[in-house]
Amino acid sequence: MDNLALRFVRWGAGLLILGLATGYGPLGHYLMGGAIPSCPTAPVHGHTILLGWVGMTLFGLVYRVLPHWASGKPPALGVARAHFYLSVVGALGNWANGTFGYAILSFLHPGFYYEPDMATLRLWFSISGVFLTLYGLGCVLFLWVVVRSTAYRAESSASEPESP
C-alpha cells in the first residue's frame, strides 16, 4: 500500500505543476485585453489543481495511514489500484479536453464559446463529463476501500489517555 500511496502523492505533485502551467493560458488571455468575456479555459487550471494535486495527494496520504486504521481486513490493493488509474485518466482527460479539446473544437467551430453554438458546447462539456465521471467512479472505489478495511476502535475509558 505504501508504494501506491507514494504514487498518488507523486502524481499529485506532477498535476500541481501541470495545473499551475495551465494557468498561463487564461493569464495571457486576460493580459491581452480579453477579460470580457471570460476565458473558457480558466476553469481547467483550477480543476487540474483540485482534482490532481489536492485530490491525488489526499488519497495518497489516506492510503498511507489506512493500514494503521485497518480492522483486520487488509485494504483491497487491486481496487485501490483501479482507483488510481481512474483518477489519473479522469484528471488528465479533463485537463486535455479543457485545453486541447477546446482548441480543436474552436478550430472546427470558430467562436463556439463566445457566440454559443449549443451543440458544440454540449459536446465539449459532455467530454469533460465523461472524464469527471471516471474520476468520480475512482472516488467511489476509494470510499469502498476505506469503509471495507476500517472500523472504529472501542472507546477507551476516561482515565486512559488516548494515543495519537
N, C-alpha and C. Protein backbone atom coordinates (compact mmCIF):
# COMPACT_ATOMS: atom_id res chain seq x y z
N MET A 1 0.83 -1.19 0.00
CA MET A 1 0.00 0.00 0.00
C MET A 1 0.87 1.25 0.00
N ASP A 2 2.06 1.17 0.62
CA ASP A 2 2.94 2.34 0.67
C ASP A 2 3.34 2.82 -0.72
N ASN A 3 3.65 1.88 -1.62
CA ASN A 3 4.05 2.28 -2.98
C ASN A 3 2.90 2.97 -3.71
N LEU A 4 1.70 2.44 -3.53
CA LEU A 4 0.55 3.06 -4.18
C LEU A 4 0.29 4.44 -3.59
N ALA A 5 0.42 4.58 -2.28
CA ALA A 5 0.24 5.88 -1.63
C ALA A 5 1.25 6.88 -2.19
N LEU A 6 2.49 6.45 -2.33
CA LEU A 6 3.53 7.33 -2.87
C LEU A 6 3.23 7.68 -4.33
N ARG A 7 2.71 6.74 -5.08
CA ARG A 7 2.36 7.00 -6.48
C ARG A 7 1.29 8.09 -6.57
N PHE A 8 0.29 8.02 -5.70
CA PHE A 8 -0.74 9.07 -5.67
C PHE A 8 -0.10 10.43 -5.37
N VAL A 9 0.77 10.48 -4.35
CA VAL A 9 1.38 11.76 -3.96
C VAL A 9 2.27 12.30 -5.08
N ARG A 10 3.03 11.44 -5.72
CA ARG A 10 3.90 11.90 -6.82
C ARG A 10 3.08 12.43 -7.99
N TRP A 11 2.03 11.72 -8.35
CA TRP A 11 1.17 12.20 -9.42
C TRP A 11 0.51 13.50 -9.01
N GLY A 12 0.13 13.62 -7.76
CA GLY A 12 -0.44 14.87 -7.27
C GLY A 12 0.52 16.03 -7.46
N ALA A 13 1.79 15.81 -7.15
CA ALA A 13 2.80 16.86 -7.32
C ALA A 13 2.96 17.22 -8.80
N GLY A 14 2.96 16.22 -9.65
CA GLY A 14 3.07 16.48 -11.09
C GLY A 14 1.87 17.23 -11.63
N LEU A 15 0.68 16.85 -11.17
CA LEU A 15 -0.53 17.54 -11.62
C LEU A 15 -0.61 18.96 -11.07
N LEU A 16 0.02 19.21 -9.92
CA LEU A 16 0.12 20.58 -9.41
C LEU A 16 0.87 21.45 -10.41
N ILE A 17 2.01 20.97 -10.87
CA ILE A 17 2.81 21.73 -11.84
C ILE A 17 2.03 21.92 -13.14
N LEU A 18 1.37 20.85 -13.60
CA LEU A 18 0.57 20.95 -14.82
C LEU A 18 -0.56 21.96 -14.66
N GLY A 19 -1.22 21.95 -13.52
CA GLY A 19 -2.29 22.91 -13.26
C GLY A 19 -1.78 24.34 -13.20
N LEU A 20 -0.64 24.52 -12.54
CA LEU A 20 -0.06 25.87 -12.49
C LEU A 20 0.33 26.35 -13.88
N ALA A 21 0.95 25.49 -14.66
CA ALA A 21 1.35 25.86 -16.02
C ALA A 21 0.13 26.18 -16.88
N THR A 22 -0.95 25.46 -16.66
CA THR A 22 -2.17 25.69 -17.42
C THR A 22 -2.75 27.07 -17.15
N GLY A 23 -2.43 27.63 -16.00
CA GLY A 23 -2.92 28.96 -15.66
C GLY A 23 -2.37 30.06 -16.54
N TYR A 24 -1.28 29.80 -17.26
CA TYR A 24 -0.70 30.83 -18.13
C TYR A 24 -1.57 31.12 -19.35
N GLY A 25 -2.37 30.15 -19.80
CA GLY A 25 -3.27 30.40 -20.93
C GLY A 25 -4.29 31.47 -20.61
N PRO A 26 -5.07 31.27 -19.53
CA PRO A 26 -6.03 32.33 -19.16
C PRO A 26 -5.33 33.64 -18.80
N LEU A 27 -4.18 33.56 -18.17
CA LEU A 27 -3.45 34.78 -17.81
C LEU A 27 -3.11 35.58 -19.07
N GLY A 28 -2.61 34.90 -20.10
CA GLY A 28 -2.32 35.57 -21.37
C GLY A 28 -3.58 36.16 -21.99
N HIS A 29 -4.68 35.44 -21.89
CA HIS A 29 -5.96 35.92 -22.41
C HIS A 29 -6.34 37.24 -21.74
N TYR A 30 -6.23 37.27 -20.42
CA TYR A 30 -6.61 38.47 -19.68
C TYR A 30 -5.62 39.62 -19.91
N LEU A 31 -4.33 39.32 -19.99
CA LEU A 31 -3.33 40.36 -20.22
C LEU A 31 -3.46 40.99 -21.61
N MET A 32 -3.99 40.22 -22.55
CA MET A 32 -4.16 40.75 -23.91
C MET A 32 -5.50 41.46 -24.08
N GLY A 33 -6.17 41.76 -22.95
CA GLY A 33 -7.40 42.54 -23.01
C GLY A 33 -8.66 41.72 -23.15
N GLY A 34 -8.58 40.41 -22.92
CA GLY A 34 -9.75 39.56 -23.09
C GLY A 34 -10.49 39.29 -21.81
N ALA A 35 -10.50 40.23 -20.88
CA ALA A 35 -11.16 39.99 -19.60
C ALA A 35 -12.67 39.83 -19.76
N ILE A 36 -13.24 40.48 -20.76
CA ILE A 36 -14.66 40.32 -21.03
C ILE A 36 -14.80 39.92 -22.48
N PRO A 37 -15.33 38.82 -22.83
CA PRO A 37 -15.85 37.80 -21.94
C PRO A 37 -14.72 36.97 -21.31
N SER A 38 -15.09 36.16 -20.36
CA SER A 38 -14.10 35.39 -19.63
C SER A 38 -13.44 34.33 -20.52
N CYS A 39 -12.30 33.88 -20.08
CA CYS A 39 -11.55 32.87 -20.82
C CYS A 39 -12.16 31.49 -20.55
N PRO A 40 -12.54 30.77 -21.58
CA PRO A 40 -13.20 29.47 -21.38
C PRO A 40 -12.28 28.40 -20.78
N THR A 41 -10.97 28.58 -20.91
CA THR A 41 -10.07 27.56 -20.37
C THR A 41 -9.64 27.85 -18.94
N ALA A 42 -10.10 28.95 -18.35
CA ALA A 42 -9.71 29.30 -16.98
C ALA A 42 -10.07 28.22 -15.96
N PRO A 43 -11.24 27.58 -16.03
CA PRO A 43 -11.56 26.56 -15.03
C PRO A 43 -10.64 25.33 -15.09
N VAL A 44 -9.99 25.11 -16.22
CA VAL A 44 -9.11 23.95 -16.35
C VAL A 44 -7.96 24.04 -15.35
N HIS A 45 -7.43 25.22 -15.19
CA HIS A 45 -6.34 25.48 -14.26
C HIS A 45 -6.74 25.05 -12.84
N GLY A 46 -7.88 25.51 -12.39
CA GLY A 46 -8.35 25.19 -11.04
C GLY A 46 -8.73 23.74 -10.88
N HIS A 47 -9.41 23.17 -11.88
CA HIS A 47 -9.82 21.77 -11.78
C HIS A 47 -8.62 20.83 -11.78
N THR A 48 -7.60 21.16 -12.55
CA THR A 48 -6.41 20.31 -12.58
C THR A 48 -5.73 20.32 -11.22
N ILE A 49 -5.66 21.48 -10.59
CA ILE A 49 -5.04 21.56 -9.27
C ILE A 49 -5.90 20.85 -8.23
N LEU A 50 -7.21 21.05 -8.28
CA LEU A 50 -8.08 20.42 -7.27
C LEU A 50 -8.16 18.91 -7.43
N LEU A 51 -8.45 18.45 -8.64
CA LEU A 51 -8.54 17.01 -8.85
C LEU A 51 -7.17 16.35 -8.76
N GLY A 52 -6.17 17.03 -9.32
CA GLY A 52 -4.84 16.45 -9.37
C GLY A 52 -4.08 16.57 -8.08
N TRP A 53 -3.66 17.77 -7.75
CA TRP A 53 -2.81 17.93 -6.58
C TRP A 53 -3.56 17.66 -5.28
N VAL A 54 -4.64 18.34 -5.05
CA VAL A 54 -5.36 18.19 -3.79
C VAL A 54 -5.95 16.78 -3.66
N GLY A 55 -6.71 16.36 -4.66
CA GLY A 55 -7.34 15.04 -4.60
C GLY A 55 -6.35 13.90 -4.52
N MET A 56 -5.42 13.87 -5.47
CA MET A 56 -4.47 12.75 -5.52
C MET A 56 -3.60 12.70 -4.27
N THR A 57 -3.15 13.87 -3.80
CA THR A 57 -2.30 13.89 -2.61
C THR A 57 -3.08 13.42 -1.38
N LEU A 58 -4.30 13.87 -1.23
CA LEU A 58 -5.10 13.41 -0.09
C LEU A 58 -5.39 11.91 -0.18
N PHE A 59 -5.70 11.41 -1.36
CA PHE A 59 -5.89 9.97 -1.50
C PHE A 59 -4.64 9.22 -1.06
N GLY A 60 -3.49 9.69 -1.52
CA GLY A 60 -2.23 9.03 -1.16
C GLY A 60 -1.96 9.05 0.33
N LEU A 61 -2.23 10.18 0.97
CA LEU A 61 -2.00 10.27 2.41
C LEU A 61 -2.95 9.36 3.19
N VAL A 62 -4.19 9.26 2.75
CA VAL A 62 -5.13 8.35 3.41
C VAL A 62 -4.69 6.91 3.20
N TYR A 63 -4.29 6.56 1.99
CA TYR A 63 -3.82 5.19 1.76
C TYR A 63 -2.57 4.89 2.60
N ARG A 64 -1.79 5.90 2.88
CA ARG A 64 -0.59 5.71 3.71
C ARG A 64 -0.96 5.32 5.14
N VAL A 65 -2.00 5.93 5.69
CA VAL A 65 -2.39 5.63 7.08
C VAL A 65 -3.43 4.52 7.17
N LEU A 66 -3.98 4.10 6.05
CA LEU A 66 -5.04 3.10 6.06
C LEU A 66 -4.67 1.81 6.79
N PRO A 67 -3.47 1.27 6.61
CA PRO A 67 -3.14 0.05 7.35
C PRO A 67 -3.20 0.25 8.87
N HIS A 68 -2.92 1.44 9.34
CA HIS A 68 -2.99 1.72 10.78
C HIS A 68 -4.45 1.67 11.27
N TRP A 69 -5.37 2.04 10.42
CA TRP A 69 -6.79 2.04 10.77
C TRP A 69 -7.47 0.71 10.44
N ALA A 70 -6.76 -0.21 9.84
CA ALA A 70 -7.36 -1.45 9.36
C ALA A 70 -8.03 -2.21 10.50
N SER A 71 -9.15 -2.83 10.18
CA SER A 71 -9.94 -3.56 11.16
C SER A 71 -9.76 -5.06 11.03
N GLY A 72 -8.64 -5.48 10.57
CA GLY A 72 -8.40 -6.90 10.37
C GLY A 72 -8.45 -7.30 8.92
N LYS A 73 -9.19 -6.57 8.11
CA LYS A 73 -9.24 -6.85 6.68
C LYS A 73 -8.16 -6.02 6.01
N PRO A 74 -7.30 -6.64 5.26
CA PRO A 74 -6.29 -5.83 4.57
C PRO A 74 -6.97 -4.95 3.52
N PRO A 75 -6.43 -3.75 3.32
CA PRO A 75 -7.01 -2.88 2.28
C PRO A 75 -6.97 -3.57 0.92
N ALA A 76 -8.00 -3.38 0.15
CA ALA A 76 -8.12 -4.01 -1.16
C ALA A 76 -7.20 -3.30 -2.15
N LEU A 77 -6.00 -3.84 -2.32
CA LEU A 77 -4.99 -3.20 -3.15
C LEU A 77 -5.41 -3.12 -4.62
N GLY A 78 -6.04 -4.15 -5.13
CA GLY A 78 -6.49 -4.14 -6.53
C GLY A 78 -7.52 -3.05 -6.79
N VAL A 79 -8.44 -2.88 -5.86
CA VAL A 79 -9.46 -1.83 -6.01
C VAL A 79 -8.80 -0.46 -5.89
N ALA A 80 -7.84 -0.34 -4.97
CA ALA A 80 -7.12 0.93 -4.80
C ALA A 80 -6.32 1.26 -6.07
N ARG A 81 -5.76 0.25 -6.71
CA ARG A 81 -5.05 0.49 -7.99
C ARG A 81 -6.03 0.97 -9.07
N ALA A 82 -7.20 0.34 -9.12
CA ALA A 82 -8.22 0.78 -10.10
C ALA A 82 -8.60 2.23 -9.82
N HIS A 83 -8.71 2.58 -8.54
CA HIS A 83 -8.99 3.96 -8.16
C HIS A 83 -7.90 4.89 -8.69
N PHE A 84 -6.65 4.48 -8.54
CA PHE A 84 -5.54 5.30 -9.03
C PHE A 84 -5.67 5.56 -10.53
N TYR A 85 -5.87 4.50 -11.31
CA TYR A 85 -5.92 4.67 -12.77
C TYR A 85 -7.13 5.48 -13.20
N LEU A 86 -8.27 5.26 -12.57
CA LEU A 86 -9.45 6.07 -12.91
C LEU A 86 -9.21 7.54 -12.59
N SER A 87 -8.56 7.80 -11.46
CA SER A 87 -8.28 9.19 -11.08
C SER A 87 -7.31 9.86 -12.03
N VAL A 88 -6.27 9.15 -12.42
CA VAL A 88 -5.29 9.72 -13.36
C VAL A 88 -5.95 10.00 -14.71
N VAL A 89 -6.68 9.02 -15.23
CA VAL A 89 -7.35 9.22 -16.52
C VAL A 89 -8.37 10.34 -16.42
N GLY A 90 -9.11 10.40 -15.33
CA GLY A 90 -10.11 11.45 -15.16
C GLY A 90 -9.49 12.83 -15.09
N ALA A 91 -8.44 12.99 -14.29
CA ALA A 91 -7.80 14.30 -14.14
C ALA A 91 -7.10 14.72 -15.43
N LEU A 92 -6.32 13.81 -16.03
CA LEU A 92 -5.63 14.16 -17.27
C LEU A 92 -6.60 14.37 -18.43
N GLY A 93 -7.64 13.55 -18.50
CA GLY A 93 -8.63 13.71 -19.56
C GLY A 93 -9.38 15.02 -19.47
N ASN A 94 -9.72 15.40 -18.25
CA ASN A 94 -10.39 16.68 -18.05
C ASN A 94 -9.47 17.84 -18.44
N TRP A 95 -8.20 17.73 -18.07
CA TRP A 95 -7.23 18.75 -18.45
C TRP A 95 -7.08 18.81 -19.98
N ALA A 96 -6.90 17.64 -20.61
CA ALA A 96 -6.70 17.60 -22.06
C ALA A 96 -7.92 18.13 -22.80
N ASN A 97 -9.12 17.78 -22.36
CA ASN A 97 -10.31 18.30 -23.02
C ASN A 97 -10.44 19.81 -22.82
N GLY A 98 -10.10 20.28 -21.64
CA GLY A 98 -10.21 21.70 -21.37
C GLY A 98 -9.23 22.54 -22.16
N THR A 99 -8.09 21.97 -22.50
CA THR A 99 -7.10 22.73 -23.26
C THR A 99 -7.12 22.34 -24.74
N PHE A 100 -6.76 21.10 -25.04
CA PHE A 100 -6.69 20.68 -26.44
C PHE A 100 -8.06 20.49 -27.07
N GLY A 101 -9.01 19.95 -26.28
CA GLY A 101 -10.37 19.77 -26.80
C GLY A 101 -10.98 21.10 -27.18
N TYR A 102 -10.77 22.10 -26.32
CA TYR A 102 -11.27 23.44 -26.64
C TYR A 102 -10.61 23.97 -27.92
N ALA A 103 -9.30 23.81 -28.03
CA ALA A 103 -8.58 24.32 -29.21
C ALA A 103 -9.07 23.64 -30.49
N ILE A 104 -9.28 22.34 -30.43
CA ILE A 104 -9.74 21.60 -31.62
C ILE A 104 -11.15 22.04 -32.00
N LEU A 105 -12.04 22.09 -31.00
CA LEU A 105 -13.41 22.49 -31.29
C LEU A 105 -13.48 23.95 -31.75
N SER A 106 -12.61 24.78 -31.21
CA SER A 106 -12.57 26.18 -31.63
C SER A 106 -12.07 26.31 -33.07
N PHE A 107 -11.17 25.42 -33.46
CA PHE A 107 -10.69 25.41 -34.84
C PHE A 107 -11.80 24.96 -35.79
N LEU A 108 -12.53 23.92 -35.38
CA LEU A 108 -13.61 23.38 -36.22
C LEU A 108 -14.84 24.28 -36.23
N HIS A 109 -15.12 24.93 -35.11
CA HIS A 109 -16.29 25.80 -34.96
C HIS A 109 -15.83 27.11 -34.31
N PRO A 110 -15.21 28.00 -35.10
CA PRO A 110 -14.67 29.24 -34.52
C PRO A 110 -15.73 30.02 -33.72
N GLY A 111 -15.32 30.45 -32.54
CA GLY A 111 -16.19 31.26 -31.71
C GLY A 111 -17.33 30.51 -31.05
N PHE A 112 -17.27 29.18 -31.02
CA PHE A 112 -18.39 28.40 -30.47
C PHE A 112 -18.69 28.75 -29.02
N TYR A 113 -17.70 29.21 -28.30
CA TYR A 113 -17.89 29.54 -26.89
C TYR A 113 -18.44 30.96 -26.73
N TYR A 114 -17.90 31.88 -27.50
CA TYR A 114 -18.27 33.29 -27.35
C TYR A 114 -19.60 33.65 -28.00
N GLU A 115 -19.88 33.00 -29.11
CA GLU A 115 -21.19 33.11 -29.75
C GLU A 115 -21.77 31.71 -29.67
N PRO A 116 -22.43 31.39 -28.58
CA PRO A 116 -22.72 29.99 -28.24
C PRO A 116 -23.32 29.15 -29.36
N ASP A 117 -22.56 28.14 -29.71
CA ASP A 117 -23.03 27.07 -30.58
C ASP A 117 -23.35 25.93 -29.61
N MET A 118 -24.63 25.78 -29.29
CA MET A 118 -25.02 24.88 -28.22
C MET A 118 -24.61 23.43 -28.46
N ALA A 119 -24.66 22.99 -29.70
CA ALA A 119 -24.28 21.60 -29.98
C ALA A 119 -22.80 21.38 -29.66
N THR A 120 -21.95 22.32 -30.05
CA THR A 120 -20.52 22.20 -29.80
C THR A 120 -20.22 22.36 -28.31
N LEU A 121 -20.90 23.30 -27.66
CA LEU A 121 -20.72 23.46 -26.21
C LEU A 121 -21.12 22.18 -25.46
N ARG A 122 -22.24 21.59 -25.86
CA ARG A 122 -22.68 20.34 -25.22
C ARG A 122 -21.66 19.23 -25.43
N LEU A 123 -21.09 19.16 -26.63
CA LEU A 123 -20.07 18.16 -26.90
C LEU A 123 -18.86 18.37 -25.99
N TRP A 124 -18.39 19.62 -25.92
CA TRP A 124 -17.23 19.93 -25.10
C TRP A 124 -17.48 19.60 -23.63
N PHE A 125 -18.63 20.02 -23.12
CA PHE A 125 -18.96 19.75 -21.72
C PHE A 125 -19.22 18.26 -21.48
N SER A 126 -19.78 17.57 -22.45
CA SER A 126 -20.03 16.14 -22.31
C SER A 126 -18.74 15.34 -22.21
N ILE A 127 -17.75 15.74 -22.99
CA ILE A 127 -16.45 15.06 -22.91
C ILE A 127 -15.86 15.26 -21.52
N SER A 128 -15.93 16.48 -21.00
CA SER A 128 -15.47 16.72 -19.63
C SER A 128 -16.27 15.88 -18.65
N GLY A 129 -17.58 15.77 -18.89
CA GLY A 129 -18.43 14.96 -18.02
C GLY A 129 -18.01 13.51 -17.97
N VAL A 130 -17.57 12.97 -19.10
CA VAL A 130 -17.08 11.58 -19.12
C VAL A 130 -15.86 11.44 -18.22
N PHE A 131 -14.92 12.37 -18.35
CA PHE A 131 -13.70 12.27 -17.54
C PHE A 131 -13.98 12.54 -16.05
N LEU A 132 -14.87 13.47 -15.76
CA LEU A 132 -15.22 13.71 -14.36
C LEU A 132 -15.95 12.50 -13.77
N THR A 133 -16.74 11.81 -14.60
CA THR A 133 -17.41 10.59 -14.13
C THR A 133 -16.40 9.50 -13.83
N LEU A 134 -15.38 9.36 -14.66
CA LEU A 134 -14.33 8.37 -14.38
C LEU A 134 -13.64 8.69 -13.05
N TYR A 135 -13.33 9.97 -12.84
CA TYR A 135 -12.72 10.39 -11.58
C TYR A 135 -13.68 10.09 -10.42
N GLY A 136 -14.95 10.37 -10.62
CA GLY A 136 -15.95 10.10 -9.59
C GLY A 136 -16.08 8.61 -9.28
N LEU A 137 -16.00 7.76 -10.31
CA LEU A 137 -16.02 6.31 -10.07
C LEU A 137 -14.80 5.89 -9.24
N GLY A 138 -13.66 6.51 -9.51
CA GLY A 138 -12.49 6.26 -8.68
C GLY A 138 -12.73 6.65 -7.24
N CYS A 139 -13.43 7.76 -7.04
CA CYS A 139 -13.75 8.20 -5.67
C CYS A 139 -14.68 7.20 -4.97
N VAL A 140 -15.62 6.62 -5.71
CA VAL A 140 -16.49 5.59 -5.14
C VAL A 140 -15.66 4.37 -4.73
N LEU A 141 -14.69 3.99 -5.55
CA LEU A 141 -13.81 2.87 -5.18
C LEU A 141 -12.99 3.22 -3.94
N PHE A 142 -12.55 4.45 -3.85
CA PHE A 142 -11.81 4.92 -2.67
C PHE A 142 -12.68 4.76 -1.42
N LEU A 143 -13.91 5.21 -1.50
CA LEU A 143 -14.82 5.08 -0.37
C LEU A 143 -15.00 3.60 0.00
N TRP A 144 -15.15 2.75 -0.99
CA TRP A 144 -15.33 1.32 -0.74
C TRP A 144 -14.12 0.74 -0.02
N VAL A 145 -12.91 1.08 -0.48
CA VAL A 145 -11.69 0.58 0.16
C VAL A 145 -11.62 1.05 1.61
N VAL A 146 -11.88 2.32 1.84
CA VAL A 146 -11.78 2.88 3.19
C VAL A 146 -12.81 2.24 4.12
N VAL A 147 -14.05 2.16 3.69
CA VAL A 147 -15.10 1.61 4.55
C VAL A 147 -14.88 0.12 4.79
N ARG A 148 -14.49 -0.61 3.75
CA ARG A 148 -14.30 -2.06 3.87
C ARG A 148 -13.16 -2.42 4.82
N SER A 149 -12.11 -1.62 4.85
CA SER A 149 -10.92 -2.02 5.59
C SER A 149 -10.72 -1.29 6.91
N THR A 150 -11.69 -0.47 7.32
CA THR A 150 -11.52 0.26 8.58
C THR A 150 -12.70 0.01 9.50
N ALA A 151 -12.47 0.26 10.75
CA ALA A 151 -13.54 0.19 11.75
C ALA A 151 -13.15 1.09 12.91
N TYR A 152 -14.13 1.61 13.59
CA TYR A 152 -13.85 2.40 14.78
C TYR A 152 -13.40 1.46 15.88
N ARG A 153 -12.44 1.90 16.63
CA ARG A 153 -11.99 1.11 17.77
C ARG A 153 -12.91 1.40 18.95
N ALA A 154 -12.92 0.46 19.92
CA ALA A 154 -13.74 0.66 21.11
C ALA A 154 -13.24 1.88 21.87
N GLU A 155 -14.17 2.63 22.42
CA GLU A 155 -13.83 3.82 23.18
C GLU A 155 -12.98 3.42 24.39
N SER A 156 -11.95 4.20 24.68
CA SER A 156 -11.13 3.93 25.86
C SER A 156 -11.80 4.58 27.07
N SER A 157 -11.46 4.09 28.25
CA SER A 157 -12.08 4.65 29.44
C SER A 157 -11.54 6.06 29.69
N ALA A 158 -12.26 6.84 30.46
CA ALA A 158 -11.91 8.24 30.69
C ALA A 158 -10.57 8.41 31.39
N SER A 159 -10.14 7.39 32.15
CA SER A 159 -8.87 7.53 32.88
C SER A 159 -7.66 7.25 32.01
N GLU A 160 -7.87 6.61 30.87
CA GLU A 160 -6.75 6.31 29.98
C GLU A 160 -6.61 7.41 28.93
N PRO A 161 -5.41 7.98 28.80
CA PRO A 161 -5.24 8.97 27.73
C PRO A 161 -5.25 8.26 26.38
N GLU A 162 -5.84 8.94 25.38
CA GLU A 162 -5.86 8.36 24.04
C GLU A 162 -4.51 8.53 23.39
N SER A 163 -4.09 7.51 22.66
CA SER A 163 -2.85 7.63 21.91
C SER A 163 -3.15 8.32 20.59
N PRO A 164 -2.16 9.04 20.05
CA PRO A 164 -2.40 9.78 18.81
C PRO A 164 -2.66 8.92 17.62
